[in-house]
Amino acid sequence: LFDTFVVPPFSVLDTRQGYWAERKTMWLNYGIRSEVGREDNLVFNKNIKIGPRDNGTSVFDPVLCEICYRWFCPAGGLIFDPFAGGSVRGVLAKITGHRYTGIELRQEQVDANRENTNELGLDAEGLRWVCDDSLNMDKHIKDGTADMVFTCPPYFDLEKYSDDPRDISNMEYDDFSEVFGEIMTKAARKLKENRFFVVVLSDVRDKSGIYRDMTGALKATMASCGLRLYNDIILLNVVGSAAFRVRRAMRNRKVVRVHQNVLVFFKGNPKAIQDEFAELEELDEEEIAAMTGSEADEEE
């Protein structure tokens, strides 16, 4: 399973396992700096930081990115990301032989992503970050051209990324829901037939402590676009700072959340998947090692 799929393709992905940590370290040692371009202390726990590279800003897991591309995007396909954020998803797309178009609202983040690409010595051909509001995606990508939509939107107000009024993390929840739904609806049109739409998301609580059910709202939006839920994956996170929050949370009997949802939707006829997607073969680890320089690091 490891040789073919990188990690076992089960409905629970456990980032706490040693094999996951080793793979993540390999990618980070390669030089991906997705935390650059974002202000410090964006995360829920501003006063608790874990590890020397933790600046208080959440960073997308490169292993999750790698396996989603491997499992759900055809070779050389175009990946569209309406909430691009840091450099991880674009850089991994380039390294794994895909094309990538990501839309990011903040120019400083786009500049940081491009700088990280240059630092890694990657050819920018086929790798594109656009600074714009995702509501304007029609200007940057045509309908029916993406081989995969892969994104991680703001979890409402869990992190606030800017003071820009167009930033949905700044909006009241009703406005957030309306704009988020419109962006997801437009993104669904960008997808080709018989392709996957993958969203990494987490439910958040309202001020009274009740969950808002963002995942349920997304499922309803996708269904209205003709995309059906195909895989429902739980991503277990390292406990980290959650351990510090348990006692306070349990005063109100709140169980601390240590997982995210990876929702995989499909557009088209699922019976066509075997025709549209090649059977996965054993991963060429030597090729990956050459790309990341991990062999040289081991020798040193």
C-alpha atoms as a PDB file:
ATOM      1  CA  LEU A   1       0.000   0.000   0.000  1.00  0.00           C
ATOM      2  CA  PHE A   2       2.792   2.427   0.859  1.00  0.00           C
ATOM      3  CA  ASP A   3       4.667   1.707  -2.376  1.00  0.00           C
ATOM      4  CA  THR A   4       1.622   2.449  -4.499  1.00  0.00           C
ATOM      5  CA  PHE A   5      -0.445   4.985  -2.595  1.00  0.00           C
ATOM      6  CA  VAL A   6       2.153   6.815  -0.376  1.00  0.00           C
ATOM      7  CA  VAL A   7      -0.129   6.226   2.630  1.00  0.00           C
ATOM      8  CA  PRO A   8      -2.919   3.634   2.995  1.00  0.00           C
ATOM      9  CA  PRO A   9      -6.036   4.971   1.224  1.00  0.00           C
ATOM     10  CA  PHE A  10      -8.471   4.501   4.071  1.00  0.00           C
ATOM     11  CA  SER A  11     -11.264   6.829   5.198  1.00  0.00           C
ATOM     12  CA  VAL A  12      -9.131   7.972   8.149  1.00  0.00           C
ATOM     13  CA  LEU A  13      -5.746   9.558   7.408  1.00  0.00           C
ATOM     14  CA  ASP A  14      -3.565   9.731  10.507  1.00  0.00           C
ATOM     15  CA  THR A  15      -0.940  12.482  10.439  1.00  0.00           C
ATOM     16  CA  ARG A  16       0.283  11.314  13.872  1.00  0.00           C
ATOM     17  CA  GLN A  17       1.904   8.201  12.435  1.00  0.00           C
ATOM     18  CA  GLY A  18       5.671   8.038  11.962  1.00  0.00           C
ATOM     19  CA  TYR A  19       5.436   7.337   8.241  1.00  0.00           C
ATOM     20  CA  TRP A  20       3.389  10.512   7.762  1.00  0.00           C
ATOM     21  CA  ALA A  21       5.800  12.616   9.820  1.00  0.00           C
ATOM     22  CA  GLU A  22       8.793  11.304   7.853  1.00  0.00           C
ATOM     23  CA  ARG A  23       7.138  12.113   4.546  1.00  0.00           C
ATOM     24  CA  LYS A  24       6.170  15.591   5.738  1.00  0.00           C
ATOM     25  CA  THR A  25       9.716  16.243   6.945  1.00  0.00           C
ATOM     26  CA  MET A  26      11.024  15.243   3.524  1.00  0.00           C
ATOM     27  CA  TRP A  27       8.853  17.844   1.811  1.00  0.00           C
ATOM     28  CA  LEU A  28       9.621  20.587   4.327  1.00  0.00           C
ATOM     29  CA  ASN A  29      13.345  19.875   4.047  1.00  0.00           C
ATOM     30  CA  TYR A  30      12.964  20.321   0.320  1.00  0.00           C
ATOM     31  CA  GLY A  31      12.391  23.992   1.058  1.00  0.00           C
ATOM     32  CA  ILE A  32       8.646  24.603   0.926  1.00  0.00           C
ATOM     33  CA  ARG A  33       7.995  27.752   2.986  1.00  0.00           C
ATOM     34  CA  SER A  34       4.241  28.115   2.886  1.00  0.00           C
ATOM     35  CA  GLU A  35       4.146  30.099   6.124  1.00  0.00           C
ATOM     36  CA  VAL A  36       5.919  33.052   4.474  1.00  0.00           C
ATOM     37  CA  GLY A  37       3.622  35.855   3.349  1.00  0.00           C
ATOM     38  CA  ARG A  38       1.181  35.410   6.209  1.00  0.00           C
ATOM     39  CA  GLU A  39       1.023  37.437   9.385  1.00  0.00           C
ATOM     40  CA  ASP A  40       2.067  35.837  12.654  1.00  0.00           C
ATOM     41  CA  ASN A  41      -0.492  34.413  15.060  1.00  0.00           C
ATOM     42  CA  LEU A  42      -3.325  33.664  12.682  1.00  0.00           C
ATOM     43  CA  VAL A  43      -4.270  30.438  14.407  1.00  0.00           C
ATOM     44  CA  PHE A  44      -6.752  29.880  17.195  1.00  0.00           C
ATOM     45  CA  ASN A  45      -3.977  29.515  19.813  1.00  0.00           C
ATOM     46  CA  LYS A  46      -1.906  32.638  19.472  1.00  0.00           C
ATOM     47  CA  ASN A  47       0.174  32.054  22.572  1.00  0.00           C
ATOM     48  CA  ILE A  48       1.122  28.410  21.993  1.00  0.00           C
ATOM     49  CA  LYS A  49       3.579  27.457  19.268  1.00  0.00           C
ATOM     50  CA  ILE A  50       4.885  23.996  18.495  1.00  0.00           C
ATOM     51  CA  GLY A  51       8.325  23.612  16.902  1.00  0.00           C
ATOM     52  CA  PRO A  52      10.947  26.030  15.548  1.00  0.00           C
ATOM     53  CA  ARG A  53       9.130  26.716  12.257  1.00  0.00           C
ATOM     54  CA  ASP A  54       5.796  27.468  13.898  1.00  0.00           C
ATOM     55  CA  ASN A  55       5.052  31.187  13.598  1.00  0.00           C
ATOM     56  CA  GLY A  56       1.474  30.744  14.775  1.00  0.00           C
ATOM     57  CA  THR A  57       0.180  30.361  11.226  1.00  0.00           C
ATOM     58  CA  SER A  58      -1.483  27.207   9.938  1.00  0.00           C
ATOM     59  CA  VAL A  59       0.321  25.563   7.017  1.00  0.00           C
ATOM     60  CA  PHE A  60      -1.240  23.127   4.565  1.00  0.00           C
ATOM     61  CA  ASP A  61       0.102  19.579   4.950  1.00  0.00           C
ATOM     62  CA  PRO A  62       2.263  18.669   1.920  1.00  0.00           C
ATOM     63  CA  VAL A  63       1.631  14.934   2.375  1.00  0.00           C
ATOM     64  CA  LEU A  64      -2.121  15.448   2.131  1.00  0.00           C
ATOM     65  CA  CYS A  65      -1.520  17.527  -0.970  1.00  0.00           C
ATOM     66  CA  GLU A  66       0.711  14.860  -2.522  1.00  0.00           C
ATOM     67  CA  ILE A  67      -1.722  12.006  -2.006  1.00  0.00           C
ATOM     68  CA  CYS A  68      -4.769  13.975  -3.194  1.00  0.00           C
ATOM     69  CA  TYR A  69      -2.975  14.827  -6.436  1.00  0.00           C
ATOM     70  CA  ARG A  70      -1.846  11.229  -6.838  1.00  0.00           C
ATOM     71  CA  TRP A  71      -5.244   9.718  -6.106  1.00  0.00           C
ATOM     72  CA  PHE A  72      -7.648  12.201  -7.666  1.00  0.00           C
ATOM     73  CA  CYS A  73      -5.939  14.054 -10.546  1.00  0.00           C
ATOM     74  CA  PRO A  74      -4.976  12.538 -13.905  1.00  0.00           C
ATOM     75  CA  ALA A  75      -1.307  12.767 -14.872  1.00  0.00           C
ATOM     76  CA  GLY A  76      -0.335  16.224 -16.094  1.00  0.00           C
ATOM     77  CA  GLY A  77      -3.769  17.607 -15.299  1.00  0.00           C
ATOM     78  CA  LEU A  78      -4.697  21.207 -14.512  1.00  0.00           C
ATOM     79  CA  ILE A  79      -5.473  21.815 -10.842  1.00  0.00           C
ATOM     80  CA  PHE A  80      -7.601  24.829  -9.953  1.00  0.00           C
ATOM     81  CA  ASP A  81      -7.516  26.304  -6.448  1.00  0.00           C
ATOM     82  CA  PRO A  82      -9.870  29.214  -5.666  1.00  0.00           C
ATOM     83  CA  PHE A  83      -8.351  29.741  -2.186  1.00  0.00           C
ATOM     84  CA  ALA A  84      -4.670  29.353  -2.950  1.00  0.00           C
ATOM     85  CA  GLY A  85      -3.094  30.589   0.291  1.00  0.00           C
ATOM     86  CA  GLY A  86       0.554  29.559   0.735  1.00  0.00           C
ATOM     87  CA  SER A  87       2.887  27.894  -1.714  1.00  0.00           C
ATOM     88  CA  VAL A  88       2.341  24.212  -0.817  1.00  0.00           C
ATOM     89  CA  ARG A  89      -0.384  23.248  -3.274  1.00  0.00           C
ATOM     90  CA  GLY A  90       1.195  25.069  -6.202  1.00  0.00           C
ATOM     91  CA  VAL A  91       4.727  23.809  -5.537  1.00  0.00           C
ATOM     92  CA  LEU A  92       3.563  20.203  -5.080  1.00  0.00           C
ATOM     93  CA  ALA A  93       1.572  20.434  -8.313  1.00  0.00           C
ATOM     94  CA  LYS A  94       4.692  21.492 -10.191  1.00  0.00           C
ATOM     95  CA  ILE A  95       6.919  18.844  -8.625  1.00  0.00           C
ATOM     96  CA  THR A  96       4.432  16.053  -9.332  1.00  0.00           C
ATOM     97  CA  GLY A  97       4.040  17.019 -12.968  1.00  0.00           C
ATOM     98  CA  HIS A  98       0.723  18.840 -12.908  1.00  0.00           C
ATOM     99  CA  ARG A  99      -0.322  22.352 -13.884  1.00  0.00           C
ATOM    100  CA  TYR A 100      -1.779  24.725 -11.317  1.00  0.00           C
ATOM    101  CA  THR A 101      -3.848  27.904 -11.266  1.00  0.00           C
ATOM    102  CA  GLY A 102      -4.518  29.379  -7.853  1.00  0.00           C
ATOM    103  CA  ILE A 103      -6.354  32.568  -6.933  1.00  0.00           C
ATOM    104  CA  GLU A 104      -5.232  34.441  -3.824  1.00  0.00           C
ATOM    105  CA  LEU A 105      -6.623  37.738  -2.567  1.00  0.00           C
ATOM    106  CA  ARG A 106      -3.430  39.079  -0.980  1.00  0.00           C
ATOM    107  CA  GLN A 107      -0.596  40.298  -3.204  1.00  0.00           C
ATOM    108  CA  GLU A 108       1.998  39.751  -0.468  1.00  0.00           C
ATOM    109  CA  GLN A 109       1.080  36.057  -0.379  1.00  0.00           C
ATOM    110  CA  VAL A 110       1.300  35.732  -4.161  1.00  0.00           C
ATOM    111  CA  ASP A 111       4.722  37.416  -4.099  1.00  0.00           C
ATOM    112  CA  ALA A 112       5.899  35.082  -1.318  1.00  0.00           C
ATOM    113  CA  ASN A 113       4.690  32.024  -3.238  1.00  0.00           C
ATOM    114  CA  ARG A 114       6.542  33.089  -6.369  1.00  0.00           C
ATOM    115  CA  GLU A 115       9.658  33.805  -4.339  1.00  0.00           C
ATOM    116  CA  ASN A 116       9.517  30.328  -2.802  1.00  0.00           C
ATOM    117  CA  THR A 117       9.199  28.852  -6.294  1.00  0.00           C
ATOM    118  CA  ASN A 118      12.323  30.724  -7.381  1.00  0.00           C
ATOM    119  CA  GLU A 119      14.201  29.621  -4.262  1.00  0.00           C
ATOM    120  CA  LEU A 120      13.436  26.013  -5.113  1.00  0.00           C
ATOM    121  CA  GLY A 121      14.714  26.482  -8.655  1.00  0.00           C
ATOM    122  CA  LEU A 122      11.412  25.459 -10.194  1.00  0.00           C
ATOM    123  CA  ASP A 123      10.382  26.418 -13.698  1.00  0.00           C
ATOM    124  CA  ALA A 124       7.271  28.574 -13.370  1.00  0.00           C
ATOM    125  CA  GLU A 125       5.731  27.255 -16.598  1.00  0.00           C
ATOM    126  CA  GLY A 126       2.290  25.873 -15.848  1.00  0.00           C
ATOM    127  CA  LEU A 127       2.417  27.228 -12.287  1.00  0.00           C
ATOM    128  CA  ARG A 128       0.263  30.312 -11.878  1.00  0.00           C
ATOM    129  CA  TRP A 129      -0.844  32.339  -8.873  1.00  0.00           C
ATOM    130  CA  VAL A 130      -3.316  35.128  -9.614  1.00  0.00           C
ATOM    131  CA  CYS A 131      -3.989  37.985  -7.201  1.00  0.00           C
ATOM    132  CA  ASP A 132      -7.721  38.625  -7.311  1.00  0.00           C
ATOM    133  CA  ASP A 133     -11.048  37.982  -5.628  1.00  0.00           C
ATOM    134  CA  SER A 134     -12.158  34.400  -6.369  1.00  0.00           C
ATOM    135  CA  LEU A 135     -15.551  35.742  -7.370  1.00  0.00           C
ATOM    136  CA  ASN A 136     -13.716  36.999 -10.476  1.00  0.00           C
ATOM    137  CA  MET A 137     -12.377  33.553 -11.418  1.00  0.00           C
ATOM    138  CA  ASP A 138     -14.093  33.693 -14.828  1.00  0.00           C
ATOM    139  CA  LYS A 139     -11.390  36.164 -15.870  1.00  0.00           C
ATOM    140  CA  HIS A 140      -8.629  33.668 -15.191  1.00  0.00           C
ATOM    141  CA  ILE A 141      -9.897  30.185 -16.043  1.00  0.00           C
ATOM    142  CA  LYS A 142     -12.506  28.903 -18.496  1.00  0.00           C
ATOM    143  CA  ASP A 143     -15.394  26.648 -17.595  1.00  0.00           C
ATOM    144  CA  GLY A 144     -14.781  22.942 -18.128  1.00  0.00           C
ATOM    145  CA  THR A 145     -10.975  23.143 -18.244  1.00  0.00           C
ATOM    146  CA  ALA A 146      -9.798  21.967 -14.810  1.00  0.00           C
ATOM    147  CA  ASP A 147      -8.864  18.334 -14.230  1.00  0.00           C
ATOM    148  CA  MET A 148      -9.231  18.782 -10.491  1.00  0.00           C
ATOM    149  CA  VAL A 149     -10.413  21.433  -8.069  1.00  0.00           C
ATOM    150  CA  PHE A 150      -8.455  21.237  -4.845  1.00  0.00           C
ATOM    151  CA  THR A 151      -8.739  23.862  -2.141  1.00  0.00           C
ATOM    152  CA  CYS A 152      -8.804  24.690   1.540  1.00  0.00           C
ATOM    153  CA  PRO A 153     -11.077  27.693   2.197  1.00  0.00           C
ATOM    154  CA  PRO A 154     -11.097  29.810   5.369  1.00  0.00           C
ATOM    155  CA  TYR A 155     -12.868  28.075   8.241  1.00  0.00           C
ATOM    156  CA  PHE A 156     -15.070  31.143   8.642  1.00  0.00           C
ATOM    157  CA  ASP A 157     -13.436  33.356  11.307  1.00  0.00           C
ATOM    158  CA  LEU A 158     -11.058  30.791  12.814  1.00  0.00           C
ATOM    159  CA  GLU A 159      -8.236  32.669  11.099  1.00  0.00           C
ATOM    160  CA  LYS A 160      -8.491  36.186   9.718  1.00  0.00           C
ATOM    161  CA  TYR A 161      -6.079  36.702   6.869  1.00  0.00           C
ATOM    162  CA  SER A 162      -6.454  40.402   6.083  1.00  0.00           C
ATOM    163  CA  ASP A 163      -8.514  43.526   6.623  1.00  0.00           C
ATOM    164  CA  ASP A 164      -9.754  43.441   3.019  1.00  0.00           C
ATOM    165  CA  PRO A 165     -13.579  43.577   3.056  1.00  0.00           C
ATOM    166  CA  ARG A 166     -13.576  41.033   0.195  1.00  0.00           C
ATOM    167  CA  ASP A 167     -11.819  38.526   2.470  1.00  0.00           C
ATOM    168  CA  ILE A 168     -14.555  36.093   3.525  1.00  0.00           C
ATOM    169  CA  SER A 169     -12.801  35.452   6.846  1.00  0.00           C
ATOM    170  CA  ASN A 170     -13.789  39.044   7.757  1.00  0.00           C
ATOM    171  CA  MET A 171     -17.485  38.648   6.993  1.00  0.00           C
ATOM    172  CA  GLU A 172     -20.473  37.918   9.181  1.00  0.00           C
ATOM    173  CA  TYR A 173     -21.482  34.285   8.883  1.00  0.00           C
ATOM    174  CA  ASP A 174     -24.520  34.838   6.633  1.00  0.00           C
ATOM    175  CA  ASP A 175     -22.414  36.866   4.206  1.00  0.00           C
ATOM    176  CA  PHE A 176     -19.595  34.336   4.445  1.00  0.00           C
ATOM    177  CA  SER A 177     -21.974  31.490   3.590  1.00  0.00           C
ATOM    178  CA  GLU A 178     -23.437  33.335   0.614  1.00  0.00           C
ATOM    179  CA  VAL A 179     -20.083  34.301  -0.910  1.00  0.00           C
ATOM    180  CA  PHE A 180     -18.468  30.935  -0.154  1.00  0.00           C
ATOM    181  CA  GLY A 181     -21.375  29.156  -1.831  1.00  0.00           C
ATOM    182  CA  GLU A 182     -21.082  31.379  -4.896  1.00  0.00           C
ATOM    183  CA  ILE A 183     -17.338  30.735  -5.172  1.00  0.00           C
ATOM    184  CA  MET A 184     -17.803  26.972  -4.873  1.00  0.00           C
ATOM    185  CA  THR A 185     -20.591  27.072  -7.471  1.00  0.00           C
ATOM    186  CA  LYS A 186     -18.385  28.931  -9.936  1.00  0.00           C
ATOM    187  CA  ALA A 187     -15.467  26.596  -9.229  1.00  0.00           C
ATOM    188  CA  ALA A 188     -17.679  23.599  -9.985  1.00  0.00           C
ATOM    189  CA  ARG A 189     -18.229  24.991 -13.491  1.00  0.00           C
ATOM    190  CA  LYS A 190     -14.460  25.063 -14.076  1.00  0.00           C
ATOM    191  CA  LEU A 191     -14.240  21.302 -13.623  1.00  0.00           C
ATOM    192  CA  LYS A 192     -14.303  18.929 -16.571  1.00  0.00           C
ATOM    193  CA  GLU A 193     -16.731  16.038 -16.649  1.00  0.00           C
ATOM    194  CA  ASN A 194     -15.634  12.885 -14.821  1.00  0.00           C
ATOM    195  CA  ARG A 195     -13.285  14.727 -12.506  1.00  0.00           C
ATOM    196  CA  PHE A 196     -12.868  15.228  -8.743  1.00  0.00           C
ATOM    197  CA  PHE A 197     -13.496  18.295  -6.591  1.00  0.00           C
ATOM    198  CA  VAL A 198     -11.666  18.020  -3.251  1.00  0.00           C
ATOM    199  CA  VAL A 199     -12.167  20.396  -0.326  1.00  0.00           C
ATOM    200  CA  VAL A 200     -10.324  20.336   3.004  1.00  0.00           C
ATOM    201  CA  LEU A 201     -12.657  21.858   5.569  1.00  0.00           C
ATOM    202  CA  SER A 202     -13.487  21.927   9.256  1.00  0.00           C
ATOM    203  CA  ASP A 203     -16.660  22.813  11.077  1.00  0.00           C
ATOM    204  CA  VAL A 204     -16.423  25.679  13.568  1.00  0.00           C
ATOM    205  CA  ARG A 205     -18.589  26.628  16.506  1.00  0.00           C
ATOM    206  CA  ASP A 206     -20.710  29.751  16.841  1.00  0.00           C
ATOM    207  CA  LYS A 207     -20.435  31.996  19.914  1.00  0.00           C
ATOM    208  CA  SER A 208     -22.799  29.764  21.871  1.00  0.00           C
ATOM    209  CA  GLY A 209     -20.679  26.695  21.130  1.00  0.00           C
ATOM    210  CA  ILE A 210     -22.971  25.061  18.558  1.00  0.00           C
ATOM    211  CA  TYR A 211     -21.364  23.767  15.362  1.00  0.00           C
ATOM    212  CA  ARG A 212     -22.302  25.696  12.227  1.00  0.00           C
ATOM    213  CA  ASP A 213     -22.204  22.603   9.956  1.00  0.00           C
ATOM    214  CA  MET A 214     -20.091  24.115   7.188  1.00  0.00           C
ATOM    215  CA  THR A 215     -19.500  20.643   5.755  1.00  0.00           C
ATOM    216  CA  GLY A 216     -23.243  20.073   5.465  1.00  0.00           C
ATOM    217  CA  ALA A 217     -23.695  23.401   3.697  1.00  0.00           C
ATOM    218  CA  LEU A 218     -20.896  22.552   1.262  1.00  0.00           C
ATOM    219  CA  LYS A 219     -22.456  19.172   0.471  1.00  0.00           C
ATOM    220  CA  ALA A 220     -25.756  20.899  -0.315  1.00  0.00           C
ATOM    221  CA  THR A 221     -24.019  23.434  -2.581  1.00  0.00           C
ATOM    222  CA  MET A 222     -22.139  20.731  -4.458  1.00  0.00           C
ATOM    223  CA  ALA A 223     -25.319  18.682  -4.895  1.00  0.00           C
ATOM    224  CA  SER A 224     -27.035  21.702  -6.431  1.00  0.00           C
ATOM    225  CA  CYS A 225     -24.148  21.846  -8.947  1.00  0.00           C
ATOM    226  CA  GLY A 226     -24.518  18.171  -9.830  1.00  0.00           C
ATOM    227  CA  LEU A 227     -21.448  17.046  -7.873  1.00  0.00           C
ATOM    228  CA  ARG A 228     -21.974  14.073  -5.577  1.00  0.00           C
ATOM    229  CA  LEU A 229     -20.040  13.119  -2.466  1.00  0.00           C
ATOM    230  CA  TYR A 230     -17.742  10.255  -3.417  1.00  0.00           C
ATOM    231  CA  ASN A 231     -15.286   9.976  -0.489  1.00  0.00           C
ATOM    232  CA  ASP A 232     -15.662  11.281   3.050  1.00  0.00           C
ATOM    233  CA  ILE A 233     -12.214  11.312   4.682  1.00  0.00           C
ATOM    234  CA  ILE A 234     -11.209  12.248   8.221  1.00  0.00           C
ATOM    235  CA  LEU A 235      -7.764  13.824   8.636  1.00  0.00           C
ATOM    236  CA  LEU A 236      -6.475  13.219  12.162  1.00  0.00           C
ATOM    237  CA  ASN A 237      -4.130  15.981  13.265  1.00  0.00           C
ATOM    238  CA  VAL A 238      -1.262  15.940  15.710  1.00  0.00           C
ATOM    239  CA  VAL A 239      -2.705  16.893  19.099  1.00  0.00           C
ATOM    240  CA  GLY A 240      -0.141  19.659  19.635  1.00  0.00           C
ATOM    241  CA  SER A 241      -1.658  22.713  21.275  1.00  0.00           C
ATOM    242  CA  ALA A 242      -5.079  21.033  21.601  1.00  0.00           C
ATOM    243  CA  ALA A 243      -3.852  19.401  24.809  1.00  0.00           C
ATOM    244  CA  PHE A 244      -3.541  22.834  26.377  1.00  0.00           C
ATOM    245  CA  ARG A 245      -7.150  23.690  25.593  1.00  0.00           C
ATOM    246  CA  VAL A 246      -8.838  20.574  26.919  1.00  0.00           C
ATOM    247  CA  ARG A 247      -9.427  21.612  30.529  1.00  0.00           C
ATOM    248  CA  ARG A 248     -10.895  24.977  29.635  1.00  0.00           C
ATOM    249  CA  ALA A 249     -13.060  23.518  26.862  1.00  0.00           C
ATOM    250  CA  MET A 250     -14.424  20.747  29.050  1.00  0.00           C
ATOM    251  CA  ARG A 251     -15.782  23.244  31.557  1.00  0.00           C
ATOM    252  CA  ASN A 252     -18.559  23.619  28.995  1.00  0.00           C
ATOM    253  CA  ARG A 253     -18.257  19.964  27.937  1.00  0.00           C
ATOM    254  CA  LYS A 254     -16.736  20.871  24.581  1.00  0.00           C
ATOM    255  CA  VAL A 255     -14.708  18.040  23.110  1.00  0.00           C
ATOM    256  CA  VAL A 256     -11.595  19.520  21.486  1.00  0.00           C
ATOM    257  CA  ARG A 257     -11.534  18.992  17.751  1.00  0.00           C
ATOM    258  CA  VAL A 258      -8.365  17.341  16.407  1.00  0.00           C
ATOM    259  CA  HIS A 259      -9.518  16.453  12.917  1.00  0.00           C
ATOM    260  CA  GLN A 260     -10.465  18.024   9.610  1.00  0.00           C
ATOM    261  CA  ASN A 261     -12.720  16.798   6.833  1.00  0.00           C
ATOM    262  CA  VAL A 262     -11.487  15.987   3.351  1.00  0.00           C
ATOM    263  CA  LEU A 263     -14.594  15.918   1.168  1.00  0.00           C
ATOM    264  CA  VAL A 264     -14.169  14.390  -2.272  1.00  0.00           C
ATOM    265  CA  PHE A 265     -16.931  15.145  -4.760  1.00  0.00           C
ATOM    266  CA  PHE A 266     -17.258  13.750  -8.270  1.00  0.00           C
ATOM    267  CA  LYS A 267     -18.660  15.415 -11.364  1.00  0.00           C
ATOM    268  CA  GLY A 268     -19.955  13.000 -13.973  1.00  0.00           C
ATOM    269  CA  ASN A 269     -20.434   9.253 -14.134  1.00  0.00           C
ATOM    270  CA  PRO A 270     -18.454   7.300 -11.503  1.00  0.00           C
ATOM    271  CA  LYS A 271     -18.413   4.298 -13.828  1.00  0.00           C
ATOM    272  CA  ALA A 272     -16.085   6.297 -16.093  1.00  0.00           C
ATOM    273  CA  ILE A 273     -13.365   6.626 -13.447  1.00  0.00           C
ATOM    274  CA  GLN A 274     -11.495   3.480 -14.480  1.00  0.00           C
ATOM    275  CA  ASP A 275     -11.436   4.741 -18.078  1.00  0.00           C
ATOM    276  CA  GLU A 276     -10.435   8.303 -17.212  1.00  0.00           C
ATOM    277  CA  PHE A 277      -7.839   7.534 -14.520  1.00  0.00           C
ATOM    278  CA  ALA A 278      -4.880   5.222 -15.051  1.00  0.00           C
ATOM    279  CA  GLU A 279      -4.276   2.467 -12.529  1.00  0.00           C
ATOM    280  CA  LEU A 280      -1.790   3.609  -9.910  1.00  0.00           C
ATOM    281  CA  GLU A 281       1.595   1.932 -10.071  1.00  0.00           C
ATOM    282  CA  GLU A 282       4.377   1.747  -7.520  1.00  0.00           C
ATOM    283  CA  LEU A 283       5.790   5.155  -6.702  1.00  0.00           C
ATOM    284  CA  ASP A 284       9.249   5.893  -8.054  1.00  0.00           C
ATOM    285  CA  GLU A 285      10.905   6.865  -4.781  1.00  0.00           C
ATOM    286  CA  GLU A 286      14.247   7.455  -6.499  1.00  0.00           C
ATOM    287  CA  GLU A 287      12.619  10.086  -8.687  1.00  0.00           C
ATOM    288  CA  ILE A 288      11.036  11.766  -5.659  1.00  0.00           C
ATOM    289  CA  ALA A 289      14.362  11.627  -3.803  1.00  0.00           C
ATOM    290  CA  ALA A 290      16.128  13.246  -6.732  1.00  0.00           C
ATOM    291  CA  MET A 291      13.555  16.020  -6.867  1.00  0.00           C
ATOM    292  CA  THR A 292      13.695  16.746  -3.155  1.00  0.00           C
ATOM    293  CA  GLY A 293      17.376  16.133  -2.559  1.00  0.00           C
ATOM    294  CA  SER A 294      16.536  13.661   0.218  1.00  0.00           C
ATOM    295  CA  GLU A 295      19.216  11.195  -0.899  1.00  0.00           C
ATOM    296  CA  ALA A 296      21.897  13.796  -0.477  1.00  0.00           C
ATOM    297  CA  ASP A 297      20.567  14.693   2.958  1.00  0.00           C
ATOM    298  CA  GLU A 298      20.680  11.046   4.067  1.00  0.00           C
ATOM    299  CA  GLU A 299      24.279  10.677   2.866  1.00  0.00           C
ATOM    300  CA  GLU A 300      25.294  13.765   4.783  1.00  0.00           C
END
